[in-house]
Amino acid sequence: MKRVAVLLLAAAMATPAVLAQKTKQGDKAWLFTLSGLSNLGVGGYNGGIGLLYYLNDDLGLTVGLGFGTASQTTKAPAGSGGADEKQSQLQLTVSPGLRFNIASSGPVVGYAGVGVFFGLGSQTVENQQHVSGTKTETSTTSFGAGVTLGAEWFAWSNVSLGASYSLSFSTSSGKVKTTAGGSTTEQDAPSTTTITTSPSGAFTLSIYW
């Protein structure tokens, strides 16, 4: 993802500049998170793939899609008689939103946005601490919503950098199922609720086509 974004950015910069903002119906862009201007640290948007599509002039739909999976096996110590410990994780996220351009001056566009976030996660640990026949399964559900104020600067007609402030709310809950000694129990996982107001902490790189 990082290498692809850097190549796309380089190609976009090679295109002659045109003083025209991409804010009309049908305009669309790939979105990336730019963590540093000096070393060009380009990553996924909201942890995954980001897309902006203008439904009407100055009214855009943004969508972020994230997916992550990981697994790990820890061998039991030799001669311990224990079982290999196995861990696996899965995370799915989707974050749709609407963007309203409210002001513009030259290559700079000011905007406001609203959005929501949905996330599903699971974690499974088998033979924890090498105890055979044990399993812990944790499933979580997350939801959030927020409002944003930001600005986008068009360095080129098809490349822009954006920064924003946001006010957001998020909550998560879940279940934990534990199996040991042939019996299974289930209980609620710890729930969390968070309200934050802060700058985004990173630039948004938009590459239009």
C-alpha atoms as a PDB file:
ATOM      1  CA  MET A   1       0.000   0.000   0.000  1.00  0.00           C
ATOM      2  CA  LYS A   2       2.769   2.468   0.939  1.00  0.00           C
ATOM      3  CA  ARG A   3       4.794   1.849  -2.223  1.00  0.00           C
ATOM      4  CA  VAL A   4       1.706   2.076  -4.433  1.00  0.00           C
ATOM      5  CA  ALA A   5       0.710   5.401  -2.864  1.00  0.00           C
ATOM      6  CA  VAL A   6       4.202   6.847  -3.312  1.00  0.00           C
ATOM      7  CA  LEU A   7       4.240   5.820  -6.979  1.00  0.00           C
ATOM      8  CA  LEU A   8       0.793   7.337  -7.526  1.00  0.00           C
ATOM      9  CA  LEU A   9       1.902  10.549  -5.851  1.00  0.00           C
ATOM     10  CA  ALA A  10       5.032  10.745  -8.007  1.00  0.00           C
ATOM     11  CA  ALA A  11       2.965  10.206 -11.153  1.00  0.00           C
ATOM     12  CA  ALA A  12       0.456  12.830 -10.090  1.00  0.00           C
ATOM     13  CA  MET A  13       3.201  15.376  -9.385  1.00  0.00           C
ATOM     14  CA  ALA A  14       4.539  14.850 -12.886  1.00  0.00           C
ATOM     15  CA  THR A  15       1.227  16.086 -14.305  1.00  0.00           C
ATOM     16  CA  PRO A  16       1.257  19.806 -15.224  1.00  0.00           C
ATOM     17  CA  ALA A  17      -0.490  21.969 -12.635  1.00  0.00           C
ATOM     18  CA  VAL A  18      -3.895  23.396 -13.475  1.00  0.00           C
ATOM     19  CA  LEU A  19      -5.608  25.889 -11.175  1.00  0.00           C
ATOM     20  CA  ALA A  20      -8.842  23.932 -10.883  1.00  0.00           C
ATOM     21  CA  GLN A  21     -10.221  22.304  -7.762  1.00  0.00           C
ATOM     22  CA  LYS A  22     -11.674  18.806  -7.937  1.00  0.00           C
ATOM     23  CA  THR A  23     -14.955  19.511  -6.156  1.00  0.00           C
ATOM     24  CA  LYS A  24     -17.541  18.880  -8.869  1.00  0.00           C
ATOM     25  CA  GLN A  25     -20.095  16.107  -9.245  1.00  0.00           C
ATOM     26  CA  GLY A  26     -18.376  12.904 -10.334  1.00  0.00           C
ATOM     27  CA  ASP A  27     -14.900  13.873  -9.121  1.00  0.00           C
ATOM     28  CA  LYS A  28     -13.265  11.092  -7.136  1.00  0.00           C
ATOM     29  CA  ALA A  29     -10.046  10.429  -5.244  1.00  0.00           C
ATOM     30  CA  TRP A  30      -8.094   7.784  -3.401  1.00  0.00           C
ATOM     31  CA  LEU A  31      -7.402   8.842   0.206  1.00  0.00           C
ATOM     32  CA  PHE A  32      -4.225   8.100   2.149  1.00  0.00           C
ATOM     33  CA  THR A  33      -2.892   9.095   5.554  1.00  0.00           C
ATOM     34  CA  LEU A  34       0.360  11.049   5.268  1.00  0.00           C
ATOM     35  CA  SER A  35       2.248  10.755   8.572  1.00  0.00           C
ATOM     36  CA  GLY A  36       5.210  12.917   7.617  1.00  0.00           C
ATOM     37  CA  LEU A  37       6.109  15.290   4.810  1.00  0.00           C
ATOM     38  CA  SER A  38       9.884  14.878   5.107  1.00  0.00           C
ATOM     39  CA  ASN A  39      10.012  11.076   4.782  1.00  0.00           C
ATOM     40  CA  LEU A  40       6.726  10.624   2.862  1.00  0.00           C
ATOM     41  CA  GLY A  41       5.238   8.146   5.333  1.00  0.00           C
ATOM     42  CA  VAL A  42       2.134   7.112   3.418  1.00  0.00           C
ATOM     43  CA  GLY A  43      -0.340   4.642   4.931  1.00  0.00           C
ATOM     44  CA  GLY A  44      -3.906   3.423   4.667  1.00  0.00           C
ATOM     45  CA  TYR A  45      -6.844   5.742   5.275  1.00  0.00           C
ATOM     46  CA  ASN A  46      -8.486   4.946   8.644  1.00  0.00           C
ATOM     47  CA  GLY A  47      -6.555   1.697   8.687  1.00  0.00           C
ATOM     48  CA  GLY A  48      -7.516   0.606   5.194  1.00  0.00           C
ATOM     49  CA  ILE A  49      -8.718   1.795   1.786  1.00  0.00           C
ATOM     50  CA  GLY A  50     -10.157   5.299   1.482  1.00  0.00           C
ATOM     51  CA  LEU A  51     -12.281   6.799  -1.298  1.00  0.00           C
ATOM     52  CA  LEU A  52     -13.904  10.205  -1.875  1.00  0.00           C
ATOM     53  CA  TYR A  53     -16.684  10.578  -4.456  1.00  0.00           C
ATOM     54  CA  TYR A  54     -18.607  13.806  -5.131  1.00  0.00           C
ATOM     55  CA  LEU A  55     -22.333  13.113  -5.273  1.00  0.00           C
ATOM     56  CA  ASN A  56     -23.001  16.746  -6.212  1.00  0.00           C
ATOM     57  CA  ASP A  57     -20.910  19.874  -6.517  1.00  0.00           C
ATOM     58  CA  ASP A  58     -19.199  20.427  -3.126  1.00  0.00           C
ATOM     59  CA  LEU A  59     -20.963  17.420  -1.538  1.00  0.00           C
ATOM     60  CA  GLY A  60     -18.787  14.343  -1.242  1.00  0.00           C
ATOM     61  CA  LEU A  61     -19.162  10.827   0.124  1.00  0.00           C
ATOM     62  CA  THR A  62     -16.128   9.371   1.912  1.00  0.00           C
ATOM     63  CA  VAL A  63     -15.688   5.688   2.693  1.00  0.00           C
ATOM     64  CA  GLY A  64     -12.942   3.921   4.604  1.00  0.00           C
ATOM     65  CA  LEU A  65     -12.697   0.110   4.572  1.00  0.00           C
ATOM     66  CA  GLY A  66     -10.297  -1.714   6.861  1.00  0.00           C
ATOM     67  CA  PHE A  67      -9.347  -5.364   7.251  1.00  0.00           C
ATOM     68  CA  GLY A  68      -6.713  -6.999   9.425  1.00  0.00           C
ATOM     69  CA  THR A  69      -5.845 -10.539  10.425  1.00  0.00           C
ATOM     70  CA  ALA A  70      -2.977 -12.093  12.360  1.00  0.00           C
ATOM     71  CA  SER A  71      -2.050 -15.460  13.818  1.00  0.00           C
ATOM     72  CA  GLN A  72       0.748 -16.731  16.016  1.00  0.00           C
ATOM     73  CA  THR A  73       1.819 -20.137  17.347  1.00  0.00           C
ATOM     74  CA  THR A  74       4.085 -20.500  20.366  1.00  0.00           C
ATOM     75  CA  LYS A  75       5.685 -23.914  20.685  1.00  0.00           C
ATOM     76  CA  ALA A  76       5.441 -25.656  24.042  1.00  0.00           C
ATOM     77  CA  PRO A  77       8.775 -26.045  25.857  1.00  0.00           C
ATOM     78  CA  ALA A  78      10.498 -29.312  25.002  1.00  0.00           C
ATOM     79  CA  GLY A  79       9.626 -32.084  27.420  1.00  0.00           C
ATOM     80  CA  SER A  80       6.929 -30.051  29.182  1.00  0.00           C
ATOM     81  CA  GLY A  81       4.070 -32.205  27.922  1.00  0.00           C
ATOM     82  CA  GLY A  82       2.101 -29.051  27.150  1.00  0.00           C
ATOM     83  CA  ALA A  83       0.355 -28.036  23.940  1.00  0.00           C
ATOM     84  CA  ASP A  84       1.320 -25.344  21.472  1.00  0.00           C
ATOM     85  CA  GLU A  85      -0.381 -22.030  22.236  1.00  0.00           C
ATOM     86  CA  LYS A  86      -2.248 -20.588  19.229  1.00  0.00           C
ATOM     87  CA  GLN A  87      -3.535 -17.034  18.859  1.00  0.00           C
ATOM     88  CA  SER A  88      -5.565 -15.507  16.034  1.00  0.00           C
ATOM     89  CA  GLN A  89      -7.131 -12.089  15.483  1.00  0.00           C
ATOM     90  CA  LEU A  90      -9.527 -10.589  12.932  1.00  0.00           C
ATOM     91  CA  GLN A  91     -10.637  -6.957  12.543  1.00  0.00           C
ATOM     92  CA  LEU A  92     -13.140  -5.445  10.085  1.00  0.00           C
ATOM     93  CA  THR A  93     -14.011  -1.739   9.922  1.00  0.00           C
ATOM     94  CA  VAL A  94     -16.126   0.533   7.744  1.00  0.00           C
ATOM     95  CA  SER A  95     -16.339   4.322   8.128  1.00  0.00           C
ATOM     96  CA  PRO A  96     -18.726   6.162   5.775  1.00  0.00           C
ATOM     97  CA  GLY A  97     -19.157   9.918   5.925  1.00  0.00           C
ATOM     98  CA  LEU A  98     -20.328  13.055   4.145  1.00  0.00           C
ATOM     99  CA  ARG A  99     -18.191  16.072   3.344  1.00  0.00           C
ATOM    100  CA  PHE A 100     -19.583  19.563   2.710  1.00  0.00           C
ATOM    101  CA  ASN A 101     -17.310  22.184   1.129  1.00  0.00           C
ATOM    102  CA  ILE A 102     -18.263  25.477   2.776  1.00  0.00           C
ATOM    103  CA  ALA A 103     -15.649  27.949   1.514  1.00  0.00           C
ATOM    104  CA  SER A 104     -12.861  28.254  -1.041  1.00  0.00           C
ATOM    105  CA  SER A 105     -10.086  30.686  -1.840  1.00  0.00           C
ATOM    106  CA  GLY A 106      -7.637  29.972  -4.644  1.00  0.00           C
ATOM    107  CA  PRO A 107      -6.223  26.466  -4.161  1.00  0.00           C
ATOM    108  CA  VAL A 108      -7.670  26.103  -0.625  1.00  0.00           C
ATOM    109  CA  VAL A 109     -11.069  24.565   0.181  1.00  0.00           C
ATOM    110  CA  GLY A 110     -12.599  24.635   3.653  1.00  0.00           C
ATOM    111  CA  TYR A 111     -14.994  21.841   4.559  1.00  0.00           C
ATOM    112  CA  ALA A 112     -17.139  20.320   7.286  1.00  0.00           C
ATOM    113  CA  GLY A 113     -17.859  16.629   7.636  1.00  0.00           C
ATOM    114  CA  VAL A 114     -19.914  14.085   9.525  1.00  0.00           C
ATOM    115  CA  GLY A 115     -19.264  10.372   9.715  1.00  0.00           C
ATOM    116  CA  VAL A 116     -19.836   7.113  11.519  1.00  0.00           C
ATOM    117  CA  PHE A 117     -17.659   4.123  12.265  1.00  0.00           C
ATOM    118  CA  PHE A 118     -18.489   0.426  12.622  1.00  0.00           C
ATOM    119  CA  GLY A 119     -16.043  -2.251  13.689  1.00  0.00           C
ATOM    120  CA  LEU A 120     -16.105  -5.992  14.336  1.00  0.00           C
ATOM    121  CA  GLY A 121     -13.255  -7.825  16.005  1.00  0.00           C
ATOM    122  CA  SER A 122     -12.461 -11.290  17.291  1.00  0.00           C
ATOM    123  CA  GLN A 123      -9.576 -12.901  19.143  1.00  0.00           C
ATOM    124  CA  THR A 124      -9.054 -16.572  19.932  1.00  0.00           C
ATOM    125  CA  VAL A 125      -6.418 -18.054  22.217  1.00  0.00           C
ATOM    126  CA  GLU A 126      -6.095 -21.861  22.353  1.00  0.00           C
ATOM    127  CA  ASN A 127      -4.034 -23.793  24.880  1.00  0.00           C
ATOM    128  CA  GLN A 128      -3.200 -20.637  26.795  1.00  0.00           C
ATOM    129  CA  GLN A 129       0.083 -20.933  28.694  1.00  0.00           C
ATOM    130  CA  HIS A 130       0.365 -24.361  27.004  1.00  0.00           C
ATOM    131  CA  VAL A 131      -2.538 -25.862  28.981  1.00  0.00           C
ATOM    132  CA  SER A 132      -4.201 -28.343  26.606  1.00  0.00           C
ATOM    133  CA  GLY A 133      -7.956 -28.079  26.049  1.00  0.00           C
ATOM    134  CA  THR A 134      -8.335 -24.421  27.027  1.00  0.00           C
ATOM    135  CA  LYS A 135      -9.735 -21.762  24.750  1.00  0.00           C
ATOM    136  CA  THR A 136     -10.687 -18.091  25.155  1.00  0.00           C
ATOM    137  CA  GLU A 137     -12.797 -16.450  22.440  1.00  0.00           C
ATOM    138  CA  THR A 138     -13.389 -12.695  22.561  1.00  0.00           C
ATOM    139  CA  SER A 139     -15.714 -10.878  20.170  1.00  0.00           C
ATOM    140  CA  THR A 140     -16.150  -7.103  20.121  1.00  0.00           C
ATOM    141  CA  THR A 141     -18.403  -4.616  18.386  1.00  0.00           C
ATOM    142  CA  SER A 142     -17.504  -0.943  18.052  1.00  0.00           C
ATOM    143  CA  PHE A 143     -19.511   2.075  16.978  1.00  0.00           C
ATOM    144  CA  GLY A 144     -18.574   5.729  16.684  1.00  0.00           C
ATOM    145  CA  ALA A 145     -19.629   9.037  15.186  1.00  0.00           C
ATOM    146  CA  GLY A 146     -17.978  12.391  14.716  1.00  0.00           C
ATOM    147  CA  VAL A 147     -17.931  15.831  13.137  1.00  0.00           C
ATOM    148  CA  THR A 148     -14.954  17.409  11.405  1.00  0.00           C
ATOM    149  CA  LEU A 149     -13.742  20.834  10.303  1.00  0.00           C
ATOM    150  CA  GLY A 150     -10.821  20.956   7.927  1.00  0.00           C
ATOM    151  CA  ALA A 151      -9.086  22.460   4.940  1.00  0.00           C
ATOM    152  CA  GLU A 152      -7.732  20.972   1.715  1.00  0.00           C
ATOM    153  CA  TRP A 153      -4.896  22.564  -0.255  1.00  0.00           C
ATOM    154  CA  PHE A 154      -4.563  21.662  -3.946  1.00  0.00           C
ATOM    155  CA  ALA A 155      -0.840  21.580  -4.645  1.00  0.00           C
ATOM    156  CA  TRP A 156      -1.741  20.323  -8.149  1.00  0.00           C
ATOM    157  CA  SER A 157      -5.073  19.922  -9.877  1.00  0.00           C
ATOM    158  CA  ASN A 158      -5.160  16.219  -9.025  1.00  0.00           C
ATOM    159  CA  VAL A 159      -3.186  16.169  -5.743  1.00  0.00           C
ATOM    160  CA  SER A 160      -4.160  17.770  -2.434  1.00  0.00           C
ATOM    161  CA  LEU A 161      -3.201  17.756   1.237  1.00  0.00           C
ATOM    162  CA  GLY A 162      -5.774  18.138   3.995  1.00  0.00           C
ATOM    163  CA  ALA A 163      -5.755  18.659   7.759  1.00  0.00           C
ATOM    164  CA  SER A 164      -8.664  18.719  10.192  1.00  0.00           C
ATOM    165  CA  TYR A 165      -9.993  19.021  13.730  1.00  0.00           C
ATOM    166  CA  SER A 166     -12.624  16.587  14.944  1.00  0.00           C
ATOM    167  CA  LEU A 167     -15.047  15.879  17.770  1.00  0.00           C
ATOM    168  CA  SER A 168     -15.806  12.165  18.046  1.00  0.00           C
ATOM    169  CA  PHE A 169     -17.664   9.654  20.176  1.00  0.00           C
ATOM    170  CA  SER A 170     -17.017   5.913  20.274  1.00  0.00           C
ATOM    171  CA  THR A 171     -18.217   2.927  22.257  1.00  0.00           C
ATOM    172  CA  SER A 172     -17.377  -0.771  22.263  1.00  0.00           C
ATOM    173  CA  SER A 173     -18.724  -3.926  23.906  1.00  0.00           C
ATOM    174  CA  GLY A 174     -18.367  -7.651  23.501  1.00  0.00           C
ATOM    175  CA  LYS A 175     -18.448 -11.192  24.858  1.00  0.00           C
ATOM    176  CA  VAL A 176     -15.795 -13.514  26.241  1.00  0.00           C
ATOM    177  CA  LYS A 177     -16.298 -17.282  25.990  1.00  0.00           C
ATOM    178  CA  THR A 178     -13.930 -19.418  28.046  1.00  0.00           C
ATOM    179  CA  THR A 179     -13.507 -23.190  27.757  1.00  0.00           C
ATOM    180  CA  ALA A 180     -11.549 -25.190  30.328  1.00  0.00           C
ATOM    181  CA  GLY A 181     -11.887 -28.649  31.861  1.00  0.00           C
ATOM    182  CA  GLY A 182     -14.605 -29.594  29.384  1.00  0.00           C
ATOM    183  CA  SER A 183     -16.976 -26.784  30.413  1.00  0.00           C
ATOM    184  CA  THR A 184     -17.692 -23.423  28.796  1.00  0.00           C
ATOM    185  CA  THR A 185     -18.672 -20.133  30.402  1.00  0.00           C
ATOM    186  CA  GLU A 186     -19.605 -16.824  28.803  1.00  0.00           C
ATOM    187  CA  GLN A 187     -19.487 -13.289  30.163  1.00  0.00           C
ATOM    188  CA  ASP A 188     -19.544  -9.688  28.965  1.00  0.00           C
ATOM    189  CA  ALA A 189     -16.250  -8.149  27.920  1.00  0.00           C
ATOM    190  CA  PRO A 190     -15.296  -4.760  29.403  1.00  0.00           C
ATOM    191  CA  SER A 191     -17.138  -1.954  27.609  1.00  0.00           C
ATOM    192  CA  THR A 192     -15.621   1.444  26.839  1.00  0.00           C
ATOM    193  CA  THR A 193     -17.003   4.851  25.888  1.00  0.00           C
ATOM    194  CA  THR A 194     -14.785   7.678  24.672  1.00  0.00           C
ATOM    195  CA  ILE A 195     -15.366  11.290  23.661  1.00  0.00           C
ATOM    196  CA  THR A 196     -12.412  13.142  22.166  1.00  0.00           C
ATOM    197  CA  THR A 197     -11.705  16.450  20.480  1.00  0.00           C
ATOM    198  CA  SER A 198      -8.389  16.861  18.750  1.00  0.00           C
ATOM    199  CA  PRO A 199      -6.592  17.543  15.486  1.00  0.00           C
ATOM    200  CA  SER A 200      -6.340  14.496  13.249  1.00  0.00           C
ATOM    201  CA  GLY A 201      -2.596  14.176  13.930  1.00  0.00           C
ATOM    202  CA  ALA A 202      -1.817  13.495  10.272  1.00  0.00           C
ATOM    203  CA  PHE A 203      -2.393  14.895   6.809  1.00  0.00           C
ATOM    204  CA  THR A 204      -4.807  13.370   4.333  1.00  0.00           C
ATOM    205  CA  LEU A 205      -3.309  12.878   0.886  1.00  0.00           C
ATOM    206  CA  SER A 206      -5.920  12.852  -1.898  1.00  0.00           C
ATOM    207  CA  ILE A 207      -5.084  11.701  -5.411  1.00  0.00           C
ATOM    208  CA  TYR A 208      -7.850  12.491  -7.916  1.00  0.00           C
ATOM    209  CA  TRP A 209      -8.548  10.841 -11.234  1.00  0.00           C
END
